[in-house]
């Protein structure tokens, strides 16, 4: 039997809750705020109320079969339908952005190892234990390719603190050269 959702869990959510979630929610808050400022939308519910309702409708629809879910969403007011559609698109984009291939493409776009070494190390540490041999080899190949594209450079950082060091040449009779 499907779990029944409690509407109170959604009504206690605040705007800061959605802002912490980030991503699509920040975009929706901006969109709803702009809509609410327009004269024809005076009296529109606050963004947090609309987001609470849209999230409840979306989560409720996930508990139904596809045909009933489409019908249930179609029964909602137009603004809730629009928010549910945008939420669903945002979730799909977030899932697509976090695939291994999308991360590898991101690494290859940045070309130089110094800009992506932390991402590569994260992949090797986190995914290395659970991925297939082919996926792990793909990560290693990408690392080699990015390292090959990175020009060799020497970084010389002369940072001296709290010591008696004179950088450069000292031309003073009190400091004889050897």
Protein backbone atom coordinates (compact mmCIF):
# COMPACT_ATOMS: atom_id res chain seq x y z
CA UNK A 1 0.00 0.00 0.00
CA UNK A 2 1.28 3.44 -0.93
CA UNK A 3 2.38 5.78 1.82
CA UNK A 4 -0.05 8.65 2.36
CA UNK A 5 1.49 12.11 2.40
CA UNK A 6 0.83 14.50 5.26
CA UNK A 7 0.00 18.00 4.01
CA UNK A 8 1.28 19.52 7.26
CA UNK A 9 4.81 18.43 6.39
CA UNK A 10 4.60 20.73 3.39
CA UNK A 11 2.77 23.67 4.97
CA UNK A 12 5.47 24.19 7.62
CA UNK A 13 8.19 24.69 5.01
CA UNK A 14 9.52 28.22 4.77
CA UNK A 15 11.07 30.25 1.99
CA UNK A 16 14.50 29.72 3.54
CA UNK A 17 13.95 25.95 3.32
CA UNK A 18 13.55 26.24 -0.45
CA UNK A 19 16.48 28.65 -0.76
CA UNK A 20 18.70 26.14 1.04
CA UNK A 21 17.63 23.48 -1.47
CA UNK A 22 18.93 25.77 -4.22
CA UNK A 23 18.85 24.86 -7.89
CA UNK A 24 15.42 24.95 -9.45
CA UNK A 25 13.83 26.28 -6.26
CA UNK A 26 15.81 29.54 -6.43
CA UNK A 27 14.74 29.96 -10.05
CA UNK A 28 11.11 29.33 -9.11
CA UNK A 29 11.24 31.80 -6.22
CA UNK A 30 12.61 34.46 -8.58
CA UNK A 31 9.94 33.66 -11.20
CA UNK A 32 7.09 33.75 -8.66
CA UNK A 33 8.34 36.99 -7.12
CA UNK A 34 8.43 38.67 -10.55
CA UNK A 35 4.94 37.37 -11.32
CA UNK A 36 3.61 38.65 -8.02
CA UNK A 37 4.94 42.16 -8.69
CA UNK A 38 2.92 42.48 -11.90
CA UNK A 39 -0.34 44.45 -11.48
CA UNK A 40 -2.53 41.72 -13.02
CA UNK A 41 -1.29 39.25 -10.38
CA UNK A 42 -2.14 41.32 -7.31
CA UNK A 43 -3.49 39.10 -4.57
CA UNK A 44 -1.47 36.10 -5.76
CA UNK A 45 -0.39 33.79 -2.97
CA UNK A 46 3.17 34.17 -1.66
CA UNK A 47 5.86 32.09 -3.38
CA UNK A 48 6.33 29.81 -0.36
CA UNK A 49 2.63 28.85 -0.33
CA UNK A 50 2.67 28.08 -4.04
CA UNK A 51 5.89 26.06 -3.75
CA UNK A 52 4.49 24.10 -0.81
CA UNK A 53 1.39 23.25 -2.82
CA UNK A 54 3.36 22.38 -5.97
CA UNK A 55 5.72 20.09 -4.03
CA UNK A 56 2.77 18.38 -2.36
CA UNK A 57 1.04 17.86 -5.73
CA UNK A 58 4.25 16.55 -7.33
CA UNK A 59 4.98 14.12 -4.49
CA UNK A 60 1.34 12.99 -4.41
CA UNK A 61 1.42 12.34 -8.14
CA UNK A 62 4.50 10.13 -7.71
CA UNK A 63 2.43 7.81 -5.52
CA UNK A 64 -0.13 7.28 -8.30
CA UNK A 65 0.19 5.40 -11.56
CA UNK A 66 1.17 7.51 -14.57
CA UNK A 67 -2.35 7.94 -15.96
CA UNK A 68 -3.82 8.98 -12.61
CA UNK A 69 -0.86 11.27 -11.95
CA UNK A 70 -1.39 13.16 -15.21
CA UNK A 71 -5.11 13.52 -14.43
CA UNK A 72 -4.38 14.68 -10.86
CA UNK A 73 -1.92 17.34 -12.02
CA UNK A 74 -4.35 18.51 -14.74
CA UNK A 75 -7.00 19.15 -12.06
CA UNK A 76 -4.75 21.68 -10.31
CA UNK A 77 -4.81 25.45 -10.93
CA UNK A 78 -2.71 26.65 -13.86
CA UNK A 79 0.06 28.16 -11.76
CA UNK A 80 0.48 24.91 -9.78
CA UNK A 81 0.58 22.93 -13.05
CA UNK A 82 3.31 25.26 -14.32
CA UNK A 83 5.31 24.92 -11.09
CA UNK A 84 5.00 21.13 -11.11
CA UNK A 85 6.16 21.03 -14.73
CA UNK A 86 9.16 23.25 -13.91
CA UNK A 87 10.03 21.18 -10.84
CA UNK A 88 9.95 17.98 -12.89
CA UNK A 89 12.17 19.55 -15.58
CA UNK A 90 14.60 20.80 -12.92
CA UNK A 91 14.86 17.35 -11.37
CA UNK A 92 15.54 15.77 -14.76
CA UNK A 93 18.25 18.37 -15.51
CA UNK A 94 19.89 17.79 -12.12
CA UNK A 95 19.92 14.04 -12.68
CA UNK A 96 21.36 14.45 -16.17
CA UNK A 97 24.05 16.83 -14.89
CA UNK A 98 25.31 14.31 -12.35
CA UNK A 99 25.95 11.38 -14.65
CA UNK A 100 29.51 10.12 -14.96
CA UNK A 101 29.67 11.06 -18.62
CA UNK A 102 28.48 14.62 -17.90
CA UNK A 103 31.20 15.02 -15.25
CA UNK A 104 33.84 13.64 -17.62
CA UNK A 105 32.68 16.03 -20.35
CA UNK A 106 32.99 18.90 -17.88
CA UNK A 107 36.55 17.81 -17.04
CA UNK A 108 37.53 17.60 -20.71
CA UNK A 109 36.11 21.07 -21.40
CA UNK A 110 38.42 22.64 -18.82
CA UNK A 111 41.50 20.96 -20.32
CA UNK A 112 44.11 21.87 -17.69
CA UNK A 113 44.73 19.55 -14.78
CA UNK A 114 45.05 22.33 -12.24
CA UNK A 115 41.40 23.29 -12.78
CA UNK A 116 39.91 19.79 -12.51
CA UNK A 117 42.28 17.76 -10.34
CA UNK A 118 39.95 17.87 -7.33
CA UNK A 119 37.05 16.53 -9.40
CA UNK A 120 39.21 13.72 -10.79
CA UNK A 121 40.41 12.79 -7.30
CA UNK A 122 36.83 12.84 -6.02
CA UNK A 123 35.76 10.48 -8.81
CA UNK A 124 38.65 8.12 -8.11
CA UNK A 125 37.95 8.10 -4.37
CA UNK A 126 34.15 7.93 -4.35
CA UNK A 127 33.29 6.10 -7.54
CA UNK A 128 36.45 4.02 -7.65
CA UNK A 129 35.08 1.59 -5.09
CA UNK A 130 31.72 1.04 -6.76
CA UNK A 131 32.17 1.56 -10.50
CA UNK A 132 33.01 -0.99 -13.13
CA UNK A 133 36.56 -1.54 -14.36
CA UNK A 134 35.71 0.18 -17.65
CA UNK A 135 34.38 3.29 -15.85
CA UNK A 136 37.45 3.47 -13.61
CA UNK A 137 39.73 3.09 -16.63
CA UNK A 138 37.78 5.86 -18.35
CA UNK A 139 38.45 8.15 -15.35
CA UNK A 140 42.18 7.30 -15.47
CA UNK A 141 42.27 7.90 -19.23
CA UNK A 142 40.62 11.30 -18.79
CA UNK A 143 43.14 12.17 -16.09
CA UNK A 144 46.04 11.24 -18.39
CA UNK A 145 44.53 13.23 -21.27
CA UNK A 146 44.05 16.32 -19.14
CA UNK A 147 47.56 16.04 -17.71
CA UNK A 148 48.96 15.72 -21.24
CA UNK A 149 47.14 18.93 -22.27
CA UNK A 150 48.48 20.86 -19.29
CA UNK A 151 51.61 22.84 -20.13
CA UNK A 152 54.57 22.38 -17.83
CA UNK A 153 55.18 25.41 -15.69
CA UNK A 154 57.32 26.21 -12.75
CA UNK A 155 55.68 27.94 -9.84
CA UNK A 156 58.15 29.62 -7.54
CA UNK A 157 56.64 30.94 -4.34
CA UNK A 158 59.12 32.70 -2.14
CA UNK A 159 57.18 33.33 0.99
CA UNK A 160 59.24 34.10 4.04
CA UNK A 161 57.70 35.19 7.28
CA UNK A 162 59.41 36.02 10.56
CA UNK A 163 62.96 35.46 9.39
CA UNK A 164 65.99 37.50 8.33
CA UNK A 165 66.08 36.83 4.63
CA UNK A 166 66.99 39.39 2.01
CA UNK A 167 65.46 38.48 -1.33
CA UNK A 168 67.55 39.51 -4.30
CA UNK A 169 71.07 40.91 -4.41
CA UNK A 170 72.43 42.72 -1.41
CA UNK A 171 75.02 45.37 -2.27
CA UNK A 172 76.30 46.60 1.02
CA UNK A 173 79.88 46.57 2.38
CA UNK A 174 78.55 45.12 5.64
CA UNK A 175 77.43 41.96 3.73
CA UNK A 176 80.50 40.73 1.85
CA UNK A 177 80.02 38.46 -1.13
CA UNK A 178 81.64 35.08 -1.11
